[in-house]
Amino acid sequence: MQLRTIGRSRGRGTATVEFALLSPFLMLLALGVAEFGWLTINAVMVVNAAASGARFFAGQRGSNTPYSDTSTQIKASAATLKAPNLSYSTYVGSTSCSTDSACALDLNSAVQGGSVTSATVTVTYGPYQPLLGGAFPGVSNLLPKSLSATSVERVQ
């Protein structure tokens, strides 16, 4: 019987030592998965904001305030992102417009002449803020500095 108790007492600390050796790697793996998830969520929100903005912008023919209304739509679609970090640009065809009057003029003249014109919205979110706030300096260099998405819709 003494042999059994001696055999058991020799292996008692093995699990503790193994856990102590593996826990830093498991913690890094869990934090890496969380950071990747955060990056993915933010990227999907930027893509959704661009798609929503382009759909809305394409339907603003005849409106007096297409640019500012599209801005409101983009910010509403990206409500959980920090609004000061969002920037966007709008194009009708290949012409950039950044005021209500210019966008209204371009959208209204887009359909005249029978040609199909596109409405393009590009949304940029930057600087991207990592979930862990740069707690791991080497990893921060691997993450993008900003997230960007472009969506194109047909002017209606």
N, C-alpha and C. Protein backbone atom coordinates (compact mmCIF):
# COMPACT_ATOMS: atom_id res chain seq x y z
N MET A 1 0.80 -1.19 0.00
CA MET A 1 0.00 0.00 0.00
C MET A 1 0.85 1.26 0.00
N GLN A 2 1.96 1.18 0.58
CA GLN A 2 2.81 2.36 0.56
C GLN A 2 3.26 2.70 -0.85
N LEU A 3 3.41 1.73 -1.69
CA LEU A 3 3.81 2.00 -3.06
C LEU A 3 2.76 2.83 -3.79
N ARG A 4 1.50 2.54 -3.53
CA ARG A 4 0.45 3.31 -4.18
C ARG A 4 0.45 4.76 -3.74
N THR A 5 0.56 5.04 -2.51
CA THR A 5 0.54 6.43 -2.03
C THR A 5 1.79 7.16 -2.49
N ILE A 6 2.89 6.47 -2.55
CA ILE A 6 4.11 7.12 -3.04
C ILE A 6 3.97 7.45 -4.51
N GLY A 7 3.41 6.57 -5.33
CA GLY A 7 3.22 6.81 -6.75
C GLY A 7 2.27 7.98 -7.00
N ARG A 8 1.24 8.10 -6.20
CA ARG A 8 0.29 9.20 -6.38
C ARG A 8 0.90 10.53 -5.97
N SER A 9 1.65 10.57 -4.94
CA SER A 9 2.21 11.84 -4.47
C SER A 9 3.26 12.39 -5.43
N ARG A 10 3.89 11.53 -6.21
CA ARG A 10 4.89 12.01 -7.17
C ARG A 10 4.23 12.79 -8.32
N GLY A 11 3.01 12.47 -8.71
CA GLY A 11 2.37 13.11 -9.84
C GLY A 11 1.42 14.24 -9.47
N ARG A 12 1.34 14.60 -8.22
CA ARG A 12 0.38 15.62 -7.78
C ARG A 12 0.62 16.99 -8.40
N GLY A 13 1.80 17.44 -8.50
CA GLY A 13 2.09 18.78 -9.01
C GLY A 13 2.25 18.85 -10.51
N THR A 14 2.14 17.73 -11.20
CA THR A 14 2.35 17.70 -12.64
C THR A 14 1.35 18.57 -13.39
N ALA A 15 0.08 18.46 -13.05
CA ALA A 15 -0.95 19.24 -13.73
C ALA A 15 -0.75 20.73 -13.49
N THR A 16 -0.35 21.09 -12.29
CA THR A 16 -0.12 22.50 -11.96
C THR A 16 1.05 23.06 -12.77
N VAL A 17 2.10 22.31 -12.88
CA VAL A 17 3.27 22.75 -13.64
C VAL A 17 2.92 22.85 -15.13
N GLU A 18 2.20 21.88 -15.65
CA GLU A 18 1.80 21.92 -17.05
C GLU A 18 0.91 23.12 -17.33
N PHE A 19 -0.03 23.38 -16.43
CA PHE A 19 -0.90 24.55 -16.61
C PHE A 19 -0.09 25.84 -16.55
N ALA A 20 0.86 25.91 -15.64
CA ALA A 20 1.68 27.12 -15.52
C ALA A 20 2.52 27.34 -16.78
N LEU A 21 2.95 26.28 -17.42
CA LEU A 21 3.74 26.41 -18.64
C LEU A 21 2.87 26.76 -19.86
N LEU A 22 1.65 26.24 -19.92
CA LEU A 22 0.79 26.45 -21.08
C LEU A 22 -0.12 27.67 -20.98
N SER A 23 -0.39 28.15 -19.79
CA SER A 23 -1.36 29.24 -19.64
C SER A 23 -0.96 30.53 -20.36
N PRO A 24 0.31 30.95 -20.42
CA PRO A 24 0.62 32.15 -21.19
C PRO A 24 0.28 32.01 -22.68
N PHE A 25 0.53 30.84 -23.24
CA PHE A 25 0.22 30.62 -24.65
C PHE A 25 -1.29 30.59 -24.88
N LEU A 26 -2.02 29.97 -23.97
CA LEU A 26 -3.47 29.94 -24.08
C LEU A 26 -4.06 31.34 -23.94
N MET A 27 -3.49 32.14 -23.06
CA MET A 27 -3.96 33.51 -22.87
C MET A 27 -3.69 34.35 -24.13
N LEU A 28 -2.51 34.21 -24.71
CA LEU A 28 -2.21 34.92 -25.96
C LEU A 28 -3.13 34.49 -27.09
N LEU A 29 -3.44 33.22 -27.16
CA LEU A 29 -4.35 32.72 -28.18
C LEU A 29 -5.74 33.32 -27.98
N ALA A 30 -6.23 33.35 -26.77
CA ALA A 30 -7.56 33.91 -26.49
C ALA A 30 -7.60 35.40 -26.80
N LEU A 31 -6.55 36.14 -26.43
CA LEU A 31 -6.51 37.57 -26.73
C LEU A 31 -6.39 37.83 -28.23
N GLY A 32 -5.66 36.98 -28.93
CA GLY A 32 -5.55 37.11 -30.38
C GLY A 32 -6.88 36.88 -31.07
N VAL A 33 -7.63 35.90 -30.61
CA VAL A 33 -8.96 35.64 -31.17
C VAL A 33 -9.88 36.83 -30.89
N ALA A 34 -9.82 37.39 -29.69
CA ALA A 34 -10.65 38.56 -29.35
C ALA A 34 -10.28 39.76 -30.22
N GLU A 35 -8.99 39.99 -30.43
CA GLU A 35 -8.56 41.13 -31.26
C GLU A 35 -8.99 40.94 -32.71
N PHE A 36 -8.85 39.73 -33.24
CA PHE A 36 -9.28 39.45 -34.60
C PHE A 36 -10.80 39.63 -34.74
N GLY A 37 -11.55 39.20 -33.74
CA GLY A 37 -12.99 39.40 -33.74
C GLY A 37 -13.36 40.87 -33.75
N TRP A 38 -12.66 41.68 -32.96
CA TRP A 38 -12.91 43.12 -32.90
C TRP A 38 -12.61 43.77 -34.25
N LEU A 39 -11.52 43.37 -34.86
CA LEU A 39 -11.17 43.90 -36.19
C LEU A 39 -12.24 43.52 -37.21
N THR A 40 -12.70 42.29 -37.16
CA THR A 40 -13.73 41.82 -38.09
C THR A 40 -15.04 42.58 -37.90
N ILE A 41 -15.45 42.79 -36.67
CA ILE A 41 -16.68 43.52 -36.39
C ILE A 41 -16.58 44.94 -36.94
N ASN A 42 -15.47 45.61 -36.70
CA ASN A 42 -15.30 46.98 -37.20
C ASN A 42 -15.27 47.02 -38.72
N ALA A 43 -14.61 46.05 -39.35
CA ALA A 43 -14.54 46.01 -40.81
C ALA A 43 -15.93 45.79 -41.41
N VAL A 44 -16.71 44.91 -40.82
CA VAL A 44 -18.07 44.65 -41.31
C VAL A 44 -18.93 45.90 -41.14
N MET A 45 -18.76 46.63 -40.04
CA MET A 45 -19.54 47.85 -39.84
C MET A 45 -19.18 48.92 -40.88
N VAL A 46 -17.92 49.03 -41.24
CA VAL A 46 -17.50 49.99 -42.27
C VAL A 46 -18.10 49.60 -43.62
N VAL A 47 -18.07 48.31 -43.95
CA VAL A 47 -18.65 47.84 -45.21
C VAL A 47 -20.16 48.10 -45.23
N ASN A 48 -20.83 47.82 -44.12
CA ASN A 48 -22.27 48.06 -44.06
C ASN A 48 -22.60 49.55 -44.17
N ALA A 49 -21.79 50.40 -43.56
CA ALA A 49 -22.02 51.84 -43.65
C ALA A 49 -21.86 52.32 -45.08
N ALA A 50 -20.85 51.81 -45.78
CA ALA A 50 -20.65 52.20 -47.19
C ALA A 50 -21.80 51.71 -48.06
N ALA A 51 -22.24 50.48 -47.85
CA ALA A 51 -23.34 49.93 -48.65
C ALA A 51 -24.64 50.68 -48.38
N SER A 52 -24.91 50.95 -47.13
CA SER A 52 -26.12 51.69 -46.77
C SER A 52 -26.08 53.11 -47.32
N GLY A 53 -24.93 53.74 -47.21
CA GLY A 53 -24.77 55.10 -47.73
C GLY A 53 -24.94 55.15 -49.24
N ALA A 54 -24.38 54.18 -49.96
CA ALA A 54 -24.49 54.16 -51.42
C ALA A 54 -25.93 53.91 -51.86
N ARG A 55 -26.61 52.97 -51.19
CA ARG A 55 -28.02 52.72 -51.51
C ARG A 55 -28.85 53.98 -51.30
N PHE A 56 -28.62 54.65 -50.18
CA PHE A 56 -29.37 55.86 -49.87
C PHE A 56 -29.03 56.98 -50.85
N PHE A 57 -27.74 57.17 -51.11
CA PHE A 57 -27.28 58.25 -51.98
C PHE A 57 -27.82 58.08 -53.41
N ALA A 58 -27.89 56.83 -53.88
CA ALA A 58 -28.37 56.57 -55.24
C ALA A 58 -29.84 56.93 -55.40
N GLY A 59 -30.59 56.92 -54.33
CA GLY A 59 -32.00 57.24 -54.40
C GLY A 59 -32.34 58.69 -54.08
N GLN A 60 -31.36 59.55 -54.01
CA GLN A 60 -31.58 60.94 -53.61
C GLN A 60 -31.77 61.91 -54.78
N ARG A 61 -32.02 61.38 -55.96
CA ARG A 61 -32.28 62.28 -57.10
C ARG A 61 -33.54 63.07 -56.82
N GLY A 62 -33.49 64.37 -56.97
CA GLY A 62 -34.62 65.24 -56.69
C GLY A 62 -34.60 65.83 -55.29
N SER A 63 -33.66 65.38 -54.46
CA SER A 63 -33.54 65.90 -53.10
C SER A 63 -32.67 67.16 -53.10
N ASN A 64 -32.94 68.05 -52.17
CA ASN A 64 -32.13 69.27 -52.04
C ASN A 64 -30.90 69.07 -51.17
N THR A 65 -30.92 68.04 -50.34
CA THR A 65 -29.81 67.82 -49.40
C THR A 65 -29.29 66.38 -49.47
N PRO A 66 -28.86 65.92 -50.63
CA PRO A 66 -28.42 64.52 -50.73
C PRO A 66 -27.13 64.24 -49.96
N TYR A 67 -26.20 65.19 -49.94
CA TYR A 67 -24.91 64.94 -49.28
C TYR A 67 -25.08 64.86 -47.77
N SER A 68 -25.77 65.82 -47.18
CA SER A 68 -25.93 65.81 -45.72
C SER A 68 -26.86 64.68 -45.27
N ASP A 69 -27.86 64.33 -46.08
CA ASP A 69 -28.72 63.20 -45.72
C ASP A 69 -27.95 61.88 -45.80
N THR A 70 -27.07 61.76 -46.78
CA THR A 70 -26.23 60.57 -46.88
C THR A 70 -25.27 60.49 -45.71
N SER A 71 -24.74 61.63 -45.30
CA SER A 71 -23.88 61.67 -44.12
C SER A 71 -24.61 61.16 -42.89
N THR A 72 -25.84 61.58 -42.71
CA THR A 72 -26.65 61.12 -41.57
C THR A 72 -26.89 59.62 -41.66
N GLN A 73 -27.15 59.12 -42.86
CA GLN A 73 -27.38 57.69 -43.06
C GLN A 73 -26.13 56.88 -42.74
N ILE A 74 -24.98 57.35 -43.16
CA ILE A 74 -23.73 56.64 -42.89
C ILE A 74 -23.46 56.60 -41.39
N LYS A 75 -23.62 57.71 -40.72
CA LYS A 75 -23.39 57.75 -39.27
C LYS A 75 -24.38 56.87 -38.52
N ALA A 76 -25.61 56.81 -38.98
CA ALA A 76 -26.60 55.94 -38.34
C ALA A 76 -26.27 54.46 -38.56
N SER A 77 -25.72 54.15 -39.72
CA SER A 77 -25.36 52.76 -40.02
C SER A 77 -24.13 52.30 -39.26
N ALA A 78 -23.31 53.24 -38.85
CA ALA A 78 -22.08 52.91 -38.12
C ALA A 78 -22.15 53.49 -36.71
N ALA A 79 -23.28 53.29 -36.06
CA ALA A 79 -23.53 53.95 -34.78
C ALA A 79 -22.54 53.55 -33.68
N THR A 80 -22.01 52.34 -33.72
CA THR A 80 -21.10 51.93 -32.66
C THR A 80 -19.65 52.33 -32.93
N LEU A 81 -19.36 52.82 -34.12
CA LEU A 81 -18.02 53.34 -34.42
C LEU A 81 -17.94 54.78 -33.95
N LYS A 82 -16.75 55.24 -33.67
CA LYS A 82 -16.56 56.62 -33.23
C LYS A 82 -16.77 57.56 -34.42
N ALA A 83 -17.78 58.42 -34.32
CA ALA A 83 -18.15 59.32 -35.43
C ALA A 83 -17.00 60.23 -35.87
N PRO A 84 -16.17 60.78 -34.96
CA PRO A 84 -15.08 61.63 -35.45
C PRO A 84 -14.04 60.90 -36.29
N ASN A 85 -13.98 59.58 -36.17
CA ASN A 85 -13.01 58.80 -36.94
C ASN A 85 -13.55 58.38 -38.31
N LEU A 86 -14.83 58.66 -38.58
CA LEU A 86 -15.43 58.31 -39.87
C LEU A 86 -15.23 59.44 -40.87
N SER A 87 -14.83 59.09 -42.06
CA SER A 87 -14.80 60.04 -43.16
C SER A 87 -15.37 59.33 -44.38
N TYR A 88 -15.91 60.09 -45.29
CA TYR A 88 -16.54 59.49 -46.45
C TYR A 88 -16.43 60.43 -47.64
N SER A 89 -16.56 59.86 -48.80
CA SER A 89 -16.58 60.65 -50.04
C SER A 89 -17.66 60.07 -50.93
N THR A 90 -18.26 60.96 -51.71
CA THR A 90 -19.35 60.57 -52.61
C THR A 90 -19.00 60.95 -54.04
N TYR A 91 -19.39 60.10 -54.96
CA TYR A 91 -19.16 60.32 -56.38
C TYR A 91 -20.44 60.02 -57.14
N VAL A 92 -20.72 60.82 -58.14
CA VAL A 92 -21.78 60.53 -59.10
C VAL A 92 -21.06 60.30 -60.42
N GLY A 93 -21.11 59.06 -60.89
CA GLY A 93 -20.28 58.68 -62.03
C GLY A 93 -18.83 58.75 -61.58
N SER A 94 -18.02 59.54 -62.25
CA SER A 94 -16.63 59.70 -61.85
C SER A 94 -16.38 61.09 -61.25
N THR A 95 -17.46 61.84 -61.00
CA THR A 95 -17.34 63.20 -60.47
C THR A 95 -17.55 63.20 -58.96
N SER A 96 -16.59 63.72 -58.25
CA SER A 96 -16.70 63.82 -56.80
C SER A 96 -17.61 65.00 -56.44
N CYS A 97 -18.43 64.82 -55.42
CA CYS A 97 -19.24 65.93 -54.92
C CYS A 97 -19.20 65.91 -53.39
N SER A 98 -19.06 67.08 -52.80
CA SER A 98 -18.95 67.15 -51.34
C SER A 98 -19.82 68.25 -50.74
N THR A 99 -20.79 68.73 -51.49
CA THR A 99 -21.76 69.69 -50.97
C THR A 99 -23.14 69.26 -51.46
N ASP A 100 -24.15 69.73 -50.76
CA ASP A 100 -25.52 69.39 -51.15
C ASP A 100 -25.85 69.88 -52.55
N SER A 101 -25.46 71.10 -52.85
CA SER A 101 -25.82 71.66 -54.16
C SER A 101 -25.12 70.93 -55.31
N ALA A 102 -23.85 70.61 -55.14
CA ALA A 102 -23.11 69.90 -56.19
C ALA A 102 -23.64 68.48 -56.39
N CYS A 103 -23.92 67.80 -55.27
CA CYS A 103 -24.45 66.43 -55.38
C CYS A 103 -25.84 66.43 -55.99
N ALA A 104 -26.68 67.39 -55.61
CA ALA A 104 -28.03 67.47 -56.17
C ALA A 104 -27.97 67.71 -57.68
N LEU A 105 -27.10 68.60 -58.10
CA LEU A 105 -26.95 68.88 -59.52
C LEU A 105 -26.46 67.65 -60.28
N ASP A 106 -25.44 66.99 -59.73
CA ASP A 106 -24.90 65.79 -60.39
C ASP A 106 -25.91 64.66 -60.44
N LEU A 107 -26.64 64.43 -59.35
CA LEU A 107 -27.63 63.36 -59.33
C LEU A 107 -28.77 63.63 -60.29
N ASN A 108 -29.22 64.89 -60.36
CA ASN A 108 -30.33 65.23 -61.25
C ASN A 108 -29.93 65.13 -62.71
N SER A 109 -28.71 65.47 -63.03
CA SER A 109 -28.27 65.39 -64.42
C SER A 109 -27.75 64.00 -64.79
N ALA A 110 -27.63 63.11 -63.81
CA ALA A 110 -27.07 61.78 -64.05
C ALA A 110 -27.97 60.94 -64.95
N VAL A 111 -29.26 61.09 -64.83
CA VAL A 111 -30.18 60.22 -65.56
C VAL A 111 -30.58 60.83 -66.90
N GLN A 112 -30.34 62.12 -67.07
CA GLN A 112 -30.68 62.76 -68.33
C GLN A 112 -29.77 62.24 -69.44
N GLY A 113 -30.31 62.07 -70.59
CA GLY A 113 -29.52 61.57 -71.71
C GLY A 113 -29.61 60.07 -71.86
N GLY A 114 -30.31 59.39 -70.95
CA GLY A 114 -30.54 57.97 -71.08
C GLY A 114 -29.40 57.07 -70.63
N SER A 115 -28.30 57.62 -70.16
CA SER A 115 -27.19 56.78 -69.71
C SER A 115 -27.38 56.41 -68.24
N VAL A 116 -26.90 55.25 -67.89
CA VAL A 116 -26.97 54.79 -66.50
C VAL A 116 -25.73 55.28 -65.78
N THR A 117 -25.93 55.94 -64.66
CA THR A 117 -24.82 56.49 -63.89
C THR A 117 -24.79 55.84 -62.51
N SER A 118 -23.62 55.72 -61.98
CA SER A 118 -23.46 55.09 -60.67
C SER A 118 -23.27 56.14 -59.58
N ALA A 119 -23.69 55.77 -58.38
CA ALA A 119 -23.44 56.56 -57.18
C ALA A 119 -22.49 55.76 -56.31
N THR A 120 -21.36 56.35 -55.98
CA THR A 120 -20.33 55.64 -55.23
C THR A 120 -20.10 56.34 -53.90
N VAL A 121 -20.02 55.54 -52.84
CA VAL A 121 -19.71 56.06 -51.52
C VAL A 121 -18.52 55.26 -50.97
N THR A 122 -17.50 55.98 -50.53
CA THR A 122 -16.34 55.37 -49.89
C THR A 122 -16.31 55.83 -48.44
N VAL A 123 -16.27 54.88 -47.52
CA VAL A 123 -16.22 55.18 -46.09
C VAL A 123 -14.88 54.71 -45.55
N THR A 124 -14.23 55.58 -44.79
CA THR A 124 -12.95 55.26 -44.16
C THR A 124 -13.08 55.48 -42.66
N TYR A 125 -12.61 54.51 -41.90
CA TYR A 125 -12.62 54.61 -40.43
C TYR A 125 -11.18 54.56 -39.96
N GLY A 126 -10.69 55.67 -39.48
CA GLY A 126 -9.30 55.70 -39.05
C GLY A 126 -9.03 56.88 -38.16
N PRO A 127 -8.14 56.75 -37.27
CA PRO A 127 -7.32 55.56 -37.06
C PRO A 127 -8.10 54.46 -36.36
N TYR A 128 -7.85 53.22 -36.78
CA TYR A 128 -8.49 52.06 -36.17
C TYR A 128 -7.96 51.89 -34.76
N GLN A 129 -8.86 51.70 -33.82
CA GLN A 129 -8.48 51.53 -32.41
C GLN A 129 -8.54 50.05 -32.04
N PRO A 130 -7.39 49.40 -31.77
CA PRO A 130 -7.42 47.99 -31.39
C PRO A 130 -8.16 47.79 -30.07
N LEU A 131 -8.71 46.63 -29.89
CA LEU A 131 -9.46 46.29 -28.69
C LEU A 131 -8.59 46.40 -27.45
N LEU A 132 -7.37 45.93 -27.55
CA LEU A 132 -6.47 45.92 -26.40
C LEU A 132 -5.67 47.21 -26.29
N GLY A 133 -5.93 48.16 -27.15
CA GLY A 133 -5.29 49.46 -27.06
C GLY A 133 -3.78 49.44 -27.20
N GLY A 134 -3.25 48.53 -27.97
CA GLY A 134 -1.81 48.47 -28.17
C GLY A 134 -1.07 47.87 -27.00
N ALA A 135 -1.73 46.98 -26.25
CA ALA A 135 -1.09 46.36 -25.09
C ALA A 135 0.09 45.49 -25.51
N PHE A 136 0.07 45.02 -26.74
CA PHE A 136 1.17 44.20 -27.26
C PHE A 136 1.82 44.98 -28.40
N PRO A 137 2.91 45.68 -28.16
CA PRO A 137 3.50 46.57 -29.15
C PRO A 137 3.83 45.91 -30.48
N GLY A 138 4.31 44.70 -30.49
CA GLY A 138 4.66 44.04 -31.75
C GLY A 138 3.44 43.69 -32.58
N VAL A 139 2.33 43.42 -31.93
CA VAL A 139 1.11 43.04 -32.63
C VAL A 139 0.46 44.26 -33.27
N SER A 140 0.59 45.41 -32.66
CA SER A 140 -0.04 46.62 -33.18
C SER A 140 0.43 46.96 -34.59
N ASN A 141 1.66 46.59 -34.93
CA ASN A 141 2.18 46.85 -36.28
C ASN A 141 1.53 45.96 -37.33
N LEU A 142 0.94 44.84 -36.91
CA LEU A 142 0.30 43.93 -37.85
C LEU A 142 -1.12 44.35 -38.19
N LEU A 143 -1.71 45.20 -37.34
CA LEU A 143 -3.10 45.62 -37.55
C LEU A 143 -3.16 46.80 -38.51
N PRO A 144 -4.25 46.94 -39.25
CA PRO A 144 -4.37 48.07 -40.18
C PRO A 144 -4.49 49.39 -39.43
N LYS A 145 -4.02 50.44 -40.05
CA LYS A 145 -4.12 51.78 -39.44
C LYS A 145 -5.51 52.36 -39.66
N SER A 146 -6.18 51.96 -40.73
CA SER A 146 -7.54 52.42 -40.99
C SER A 146 -8.28 51.34 -41.78
N LEU A 147 -9.61 51.41 -41.74
CA LEU A 147 -10.46 50.48 -42.47
C LEU A 147 -11.22 51.27 -43.52
N SER A 148 -11.36 50.72 -44.71
CA SER A 148 -12.01 51.45 -45.79
C SER A 148 -12.87 50.50 -46.62
N ALA A 149 -14.00 51.01 -47.10
CA ALA A 149 -14.87 50.23 -47.97
C ALA A 149 -15.54 51.16 -48.98
N THR A 150 -15.75 50.65 -50.17
CA THR A 150 -16.41 51.39 -51.24
C THR A 150 -17.59 50.59 -51.74
N SER A 151 -18.70 51.29 -51.97
CA SER A 151 -19.89 50.64 -52.49
C SER A 151 -20.45 51.48 -53.65
N VAL A 152 -20.93 50.79 -54.67
CA VAL A 152 -21.44 51.45 -55.88
C VAL A 152 -22.88 50.99 -56.10
N GLU A 153 -23.76 51.94 -56.36
CA GLU A 153 -25.16 51.66 -56.68
C GLU A 153 -25.56 52.44 -57.93
N ARG A 154 -26.57 51.99 -58.58
CA ARG A 154 -27.09 52.66 -59.77
C ARG A 154 -28.00 53.81 -59.34
N VAL A 155 -27.81 54.99 -59.93
CA VAL A 155 -28.66 56.15 -59.61
C VAL A 155 -30.06 55.84 -60.11
N GLN A 156 -31.03 56.07 -59.25
CA GLN A 156 -32.43 55.76 -59.59
C GLN A 156 -33.19 56.99 -59.97
